[in-house]
Amino acid sequence: MEFLIIILGLILDRITKLWALKELSQTSGVVIIKDFFGFFYLENRGAAFGILQNKVMLLSIVTSIVMLSIIYYIVKYKPTSKILRISLALIISGAVGNLIDRIFYKYVVDFITVHYKDIYYFPTFNIADTLVVLGTILLAIYLIKEDKYGN
């Protein structure tokens, strides 16, 4: 199951980023919901929220260490919790998706924008980022449940 989640996440991430590279990079973007949601091409040369700009090697090394640690954990401890396995698979999938960009382009392709008029703009992101966030939320839920019930 984890392998399937990782592969499907990577495929979805690659397809959407290739679309963004081909289509969005040649336009001024696509508005989906005026003053709220759209697709606009952005080359992110840093990490989340634009921190660590132009630190491709550092970000690639840290990502690789985190992924290898998660894989080691899965192989060594063979977790039985479905939510834990899904959360770790989502995190790996998203991390690999952005790592591929850093290795091949030296930046991460971002294109999803959420904002409120011109008042607030959430940082532009991509499917890989979404997978990491969803995986992290599931992991937090698992850890809270584990702590609360001792399961």
C-alpha atoms as a PDB file:
ATOM      1  CA  MET A   1       0.000   0.000   0.000  1.00  0.00           C
ATOM      2  CA  GLU A   2       2.756   2.470   0.909  1.00  0.00           C
ATOM      3  CA  PHE A   3       4.558   1.862  -2.357  1.00  0.00           C
ATOM      4  CA  LEU A   4       1.360   2.568  -4.320  1.00  0.00           C
ATOM      5  CA  ILE A   5       0.773   5.828  -2.412  1.00  0.00           C
ATOM      6  CA  ILE A   6       4.352   6.935  -3.082  1.00  0.00           C
ATOM      7  CA  ILE A   7       4.129   6.105  -6.802  1.00  0.00           C
ATOM      8  CA  LEU A   8       0.697   7.713  -7.286  1.00  0.00           C
ATOM      9  CA  GLY A   9       1.801  10.823  -5.381  1.00  0.00           C
ATOM     10  CA  LEU A  10       4.938  11.101  -7.507  1.00  0.00           C
ATOM     11  CA  ILE A  11       2.979  10.660 -10.740  1.00  0.00           C
ATOM     12  CA  LEU A  12       0.438  13.326  -9.774  1.00  0.00           C
ATOM     13  CA  ASP A  13       3.212  15.688  -8.687  1.00  0.00           C
ATOM     14  CA  ARG A  14       5.262  15.169 -11.882  1.00  0.00           C
ATOM     15  CA  ILE A  15       2.266  15.544 -14.218  1.00  0.00           C
ATOM     16  CA  THR A  16       1.151  18.787 -12.580  1.00  0.00           C
ATOM     17  CA  LYS A  17       4.669  20.223 -12.482  1.00  0.00           C
ATOM     18  CA  LEU A  18       5.305  19.318 -16.124  1.00  0.00           C
ATOM     19  CA  TRP A  19       2.017  21.027 -16.992  1.00  0.00           C
ATOM     20  CA  ALA A  20       3.081  24.092 -15.002  1.00  0.00           C
ATOM     21  CA  LEU A  21       6.472  24.142 -16.745  1.00  0.00           C
ATOM     22  CA  LYS A  22       4.948  23.773 -20.199  1.00  0.00           C
ATOM     23  CA  GLU A  23       1.777  25.831 -19.912  1.00  0.00           C
ATOM     24  CA  LEU A  24       1.912  28.172 -16.933  1.00  0.00           C
ATOM     25  CA  SER A  25       5.490  29.329 -17.449  1.00  0.00           C
ATOM     26  CA  GLN A  26       4.389  30.747 -20.825  1.00  0.00           C
ATOM     27  CA  THR A  27       1.416  32.694 -19.427  1.00  0.00           C
ATOM     28  CA  SER A  28       0.560  35.120 -16.690  1.00  0.00           C
ATOM     29  CA  GLY A  29      -1.337  32.305 -14.929  1.00  0.00           C
ATOM     30  CA  VAL A  30      -4.848  30.945 -14.663  1.00  0.00           C
ATOM     31  CA  VAL A  31      -7.425  32.356 -12.277  1.00  0.00           C
ATOM     32  CA  ILE A  32      -9.762  29.649 -10.989  1.00  0.00           C
ATOM     33  CA  ILE A  33     -11.692  31.678  -8.387  1.00  0.00           C
ATOM     34  CA  LYS A  34     -11.208  35.436  -8.667  1.00  0.00           C
ATOM     35  CA  ASP A  35      -9.461  36.982  -5.664  1.00  0.00           C
ATOM     36  CA  PHE A  36      -8.980  33.569  -4.034  1.00  0.00           C
ATOM     37  CA  PHE A  37      -7.442  30.676  -6.008  1.00  0.00           C
ATOM     38  CA  GLY A  38      -5.367  30.180  -9.138  1.00  0.00           C
ATOM     39  CA  PHE A  39      -2.370  28.624 -10.831  1.00  0.00           C
ATOM     40  CA  PHE A  40       0.704  30.803 -11.370  1.00  0.00           C
ATOM     41  CA  TYR A  41       4.185  29.524 -12.234  1.00  0.00           C
ATOM     42  CA  LEU A  42       6.931  30.136  -9.681  1.00  0.00           C
ATOM     43  CA  GLU A  43      10.490  28.842  -9.353  1.00  0.00           C
ATOM     44  CA  ASN A  44      11.161  28.343  -5.642  1.00  0.00           C
ATOM     45  CA  ARG A  45      14.902  28.241  -5.007  1.00  0.00           C
ATOM     46  CA  GLY A  46      14.421  27.785  -1.272  1.00  0.00           C
ATOM     47  CA  ALA A  47      12.349  25.732   1.144  1.00  0.00           C
ATOM     48  CA  ALA A  48       8.925  26.312   2.671  1.00  0.00           C
ATOM     49  CA  PHE A  49       7.870  29.959   2.681  1.00  0.00           C
ATOM     50  CA  GLY A  50      10.958  30.811   0.608  1.00  0.00           C
ATOM     51  CA  ILE A  51      13.485  30.278   3.425  1.00  0.00           C
ATOM     52  CA  LEU A  52      17.048  29.079   2.689  1.00  0.00           C
ATOM     53  CA  GLN A  53      17.125  30.583  -0.802  1.00  0.00           C
ATOM     54  CA  ASN A  54      19.696  29.027  -3.187  1.00  0.00           C
ATOM     55  CA  LYS A  55      20.692  26.312  -0.679  1.00  0.00           C
ATOM     56  CA  VAL A  56      19.967  23.479  -3.133  1.00  0.00           C
ATOM     57  CA  MET A  57      22.677  21.145  -1.840  1.00  0.00           C
ATOM     58  CA  LEU A  58      21.756  21.659   1.827  1.00  0.00           C
ATOM     59  CA  LEU A  59      18.039  21.156   1.140  1.00  0.00           C
ATOM     60  CA  SER A  60      18.759  18.056  -0.961  1.00  0.00           C
ATOM     61  CA  ILE A  61      20.936  16.540   1.770  1.00  0.00           C
ATOM     62  CA  VAL A  62      18.413  17.258   4.530  1.00  0.00           C
ATOM     63  CA  THR A  63      15.567  15.838   2.408  1.00  0.00           C
ATOM     64  CA  SER A  64      17.599  12.709   1.662  1.00  0.00           C
ATOM     65  CA  ILE A  65      18.427  12.180   5.336  1.00  0.00           C
ATOM     66  CA  VAL A  66      14.770  12.564   6.356  1.00  0.00           C
ATOM     67  CA  MET A  67      13.602  10.158   3.622  1.00  0.00           C
ATOM     68  CA  LEU A  68      16.242   7.572   4.462  1.00  0.00           C
ATOM     69  CA  SER A  69      15.350   7.844   8.157  1.00  0.00           C
ATOM     70  CA  ILE A  70      11.675   7.243   7.412  1.00  0.00           C
ATOM     71  CA  ILE A  71      12.495   4.295   5.141  1.00  0.00           C
ATOM     72  CA  TYR A  72      14.810   2.855   7.816  1.00  0.00           C
ATOM     73  CA  TYR A  73      12.028   3.193  10.396  1.00  0.00           C
ATOM     74  CA  ILE A  74       9.507   1.455   8.123  1.00  0.00           C
ATOM     75  CA  VAL A  75      11.885  -1.414   7.297  1.00  0.00           C
ATOM     76  CA  LYS A  76      13.192  -1.912  10.834  1.00  0.00           C
ATOM     77  CA  TYR A  77       9.978  -1.523  12.842  1.00  0.00           C
ATOM     78  CA  LYS A  78       7.361  -2.558  10.262  1.00  0.00           C
ATOM     79  CA  PRO A  79       4.614  -0.348  11.738  1.00  0.00           C
ATOM     80  CA  THR A  80       1.194  -1.981  11.808  1.00  0.00           C
ATOM     81  CA  SER A  81      -0.807   1.238  12.091  1.00  0.00           C
ATOM     82  CA  LYS A  82      -2.438   2.023   8.764  1.00  0.00           C
ATOM     83  CA  ILE A  83      -2.564   5.762   9.486  1.00  0.00           C
ATOM     84  CA  LEU A  84       1.150   5.788  10.352  1.00  0.00           C
ATOM     85  CA  ARG A  85       2.109   3.907   7.184  1.00  0.00           C
ATOM     86  CA  ILE A  86      -0.036   6.200   5.006  1.00  0.00           C
ATOM     87  CA  SER A  87       1.347   9.343   6.646  1.00  0.00           C
ATOM     88  CA  LEU A  88       4.953   8.246   6.122  1.00  0.00           C
ATOM     89  CA  ALA A  89       4.247   7.268   2.505  1.00  0.00           C
ATOM     90  CA  LEU A  90       2.729  10.695   1.802  1.00  0.00           C
ATOM     91  CA  ILE A  91       5.730  12.455   3.351  1.00  0.00           C
ATOM     92  CA  ILE A  92       8.172  10.343   1.315  1.00  0.00           C
ATOM     93  CA  SER A  93       6.214  10.931  -1.897  1.00  0.00           C
ATOM     94  CA  GLY A  94       6.184  14.698  -1.468  1.00  0.00           C
ATOM     95  CA  ALA A  95       9.807  14.845  -0.382  1.00  0.00           C
ATOM     96  CA  VAL A  96      10.934  12.825  -3.411  1.00  0.00           C
ATOM     97  CA  GLY A  97       8.822  15.001  -5.723  1.00  0.00           C
ATOM     98  CA  ASN A  98      10.523  18.192  -4.581  1.00  0.00           C
ATOM     99  CA  LEU A  99      13.936  16.499  -4.437  1.00  0.00           C
ATOM    100  CA  ILE A 100      13.587  15.545  -8.117  1.00  0.00           C
ATOM    101  CA  ASP A 101      13.006  19.215  -8.944  1.00  0.00           C
ATOM    102  CA  ARG A 102      16.010  20.353  -6.921  1.00  0.00           C
ATOM    103  CA  ILE A 103      18.279  17.804  -8.578  1.00  0.00           C
ATOM    104  CA  PHE A 104      17.147  18.411 -12.171  1.00  0.00           C
ATOM    105  CA  TYR A 105      16.146  22.101 -12.172  1.00  0.00           C
ATOM    106  CA  LYS A 106      17.984  23.531  -9.131  1.00  0.00           C
ATOM    107  CA  TYR A 107      14.605  24.893  -7.977  1.00  0.00           C
ATOM    108  CA  VAL A 108      11.158  23.557  -7.077  1.00  0.00           C
ATOM    109  CA  VAL A 109       8.240  24.203  -9.415  1.00  0.00           C
ATOM    110  CA  ASP A 110       5.398  25.811  -7.462  1.00  0.00           C
ATOM    111  CA  PHE A 111       2.121  26.908  -9.019  1.00  0.00           C
ATOM    112  CA  ILE A 112      -0.871  26.726  -6.649  1.00  0.00           C
ATOM    113  CA  THR A 113      -1.880  30.066  -5.159  1.00  0.00           C
ATOM    114  CA  VAL A 114      -4.426  30.783  -2.462  1.00  0.00           C
ATOM    115  CA  HIS A 115      -5.072  34.336  -1.398  1.00  0.00           C
ATOM    116  CA  TYR A 116      -7.679  36.813  -0.260  1.00  0.00           C
ATOM    117  CA  LYS A 117      -7.946  39.615  -2.794  1.00  0.00           C
ATOM    118  CA  ASP A 118      -4.700  41.595  -2.571  1.00  0.00           C
ATOM    119  CA  ILE A 119      -4.760  41.509   1.219  1.00  0.00           C
ATOM    120  CA  TYR A 120      -3.215  38.112   1.985  1.00  0.00           C
ATOM    121  CA  TYR A 121      -1.248  35.667  -0.148  1.00  0.00           C
ATOM    122  CA  PHE A 122      -0.409  32.217   1.165  1.00  0.00           C
ATOM    123  CA  PRO A 123       2.998  31.106  -0.207  1.00  0.00           C
ATOM    124  CA  THR A 124       2.720  29.431  -3.613  1.00  0.00           C
ATOM    125  CA  PHE A 125       2.979  25.639  -3.369  1.00  0.00           C
ATOM    126  CA  ASN A 126       2.643  22.392  -5.351  1.00  0.00           C
ATOM    127  CA  ILE A 127       1.260  18.856  -5.036  1.00  0.00           C
ATOM    128  CA  ALA A 128       4.441  17.546  -3.355  1.00  0.00           C
ATOM    129  CA  ASP A 129       4.096  20.203  -0.658  1.00  0.00           C
ATOM    130  CA  THR A 130       0.470  19.186  -0.193  1.00  0.00           C
ATOM    131  CA  LEU A 131       1.459  15.528   0.199  1.00  0.00           C
ATOM    132  CA  VAL A 132       4.060  16.402   2.855  1.00  0.00           C
ATOM    133  CA  VAL A 133       1.573  18.556   4.767  1.00  0.00           C
ATOM    134  CA  LEU A 134      -1.182  15.921   4.605  1.00  0.00           C
ATOM    135  CA  GLY A 135       1.308  13.253   5.713  1.00  0.00           C
ATOM    136  CA  THR A 136       2.471  15.431   8.591  1.00  0.00           C
ATOM    137  CA  ILE A 137      -1.104  16.112   9.710  1.00  0.00           C
ATOM    138  CA  LEU A 138      -1.869  12.374   9.660  1.00  0.00           C
ATOM    139  CA  LEU A 139       1.359  11.701  11.561  1.00  0.00           C
ATOM    140  CA  ALA A 140       0.359  14.255  14.205  1.00  0.00           C
ATOM    141  CA  ILE A 141      -3.076  12.642  14.512  1.00  0.00           C
ATOM    142  CA  TYR A 142      -1.417   9.249  14.909  1.00  0.00           C
ATOM    143  CA  LEU A 143       0.990  10.547  17.564  1.00  0.00           C
ATOM    144  CA  ILE A 144      -1.783  12.274  19.517  1.00  0.00           C
ATOM    145  CA  LYS A 145      -3.940   9.149  19.363  1.00  0.00           C
ATOM    146  CA  GLU A 146      -0.952   6.975  20.299  1.00  0.00           C
ATOM    147  CA  ASP A 147      -0.152   9.210  23.268  1.00  0.00           C
ATOM    148  CA  LYS A 148      -3.767   9.465  24.407  1.00  0.00           C
ATOM    149  CA  TYR A 149      -4.670   5.783  24.167  1.00  0.00           C
ATOM    150  CA  GLY A 150      -1.267   4.139  24.318  1.00  0.00           C
ATOM    151  CA  ASN A 151      -1.963   2.225  21.102  1.00  0.00           C
END
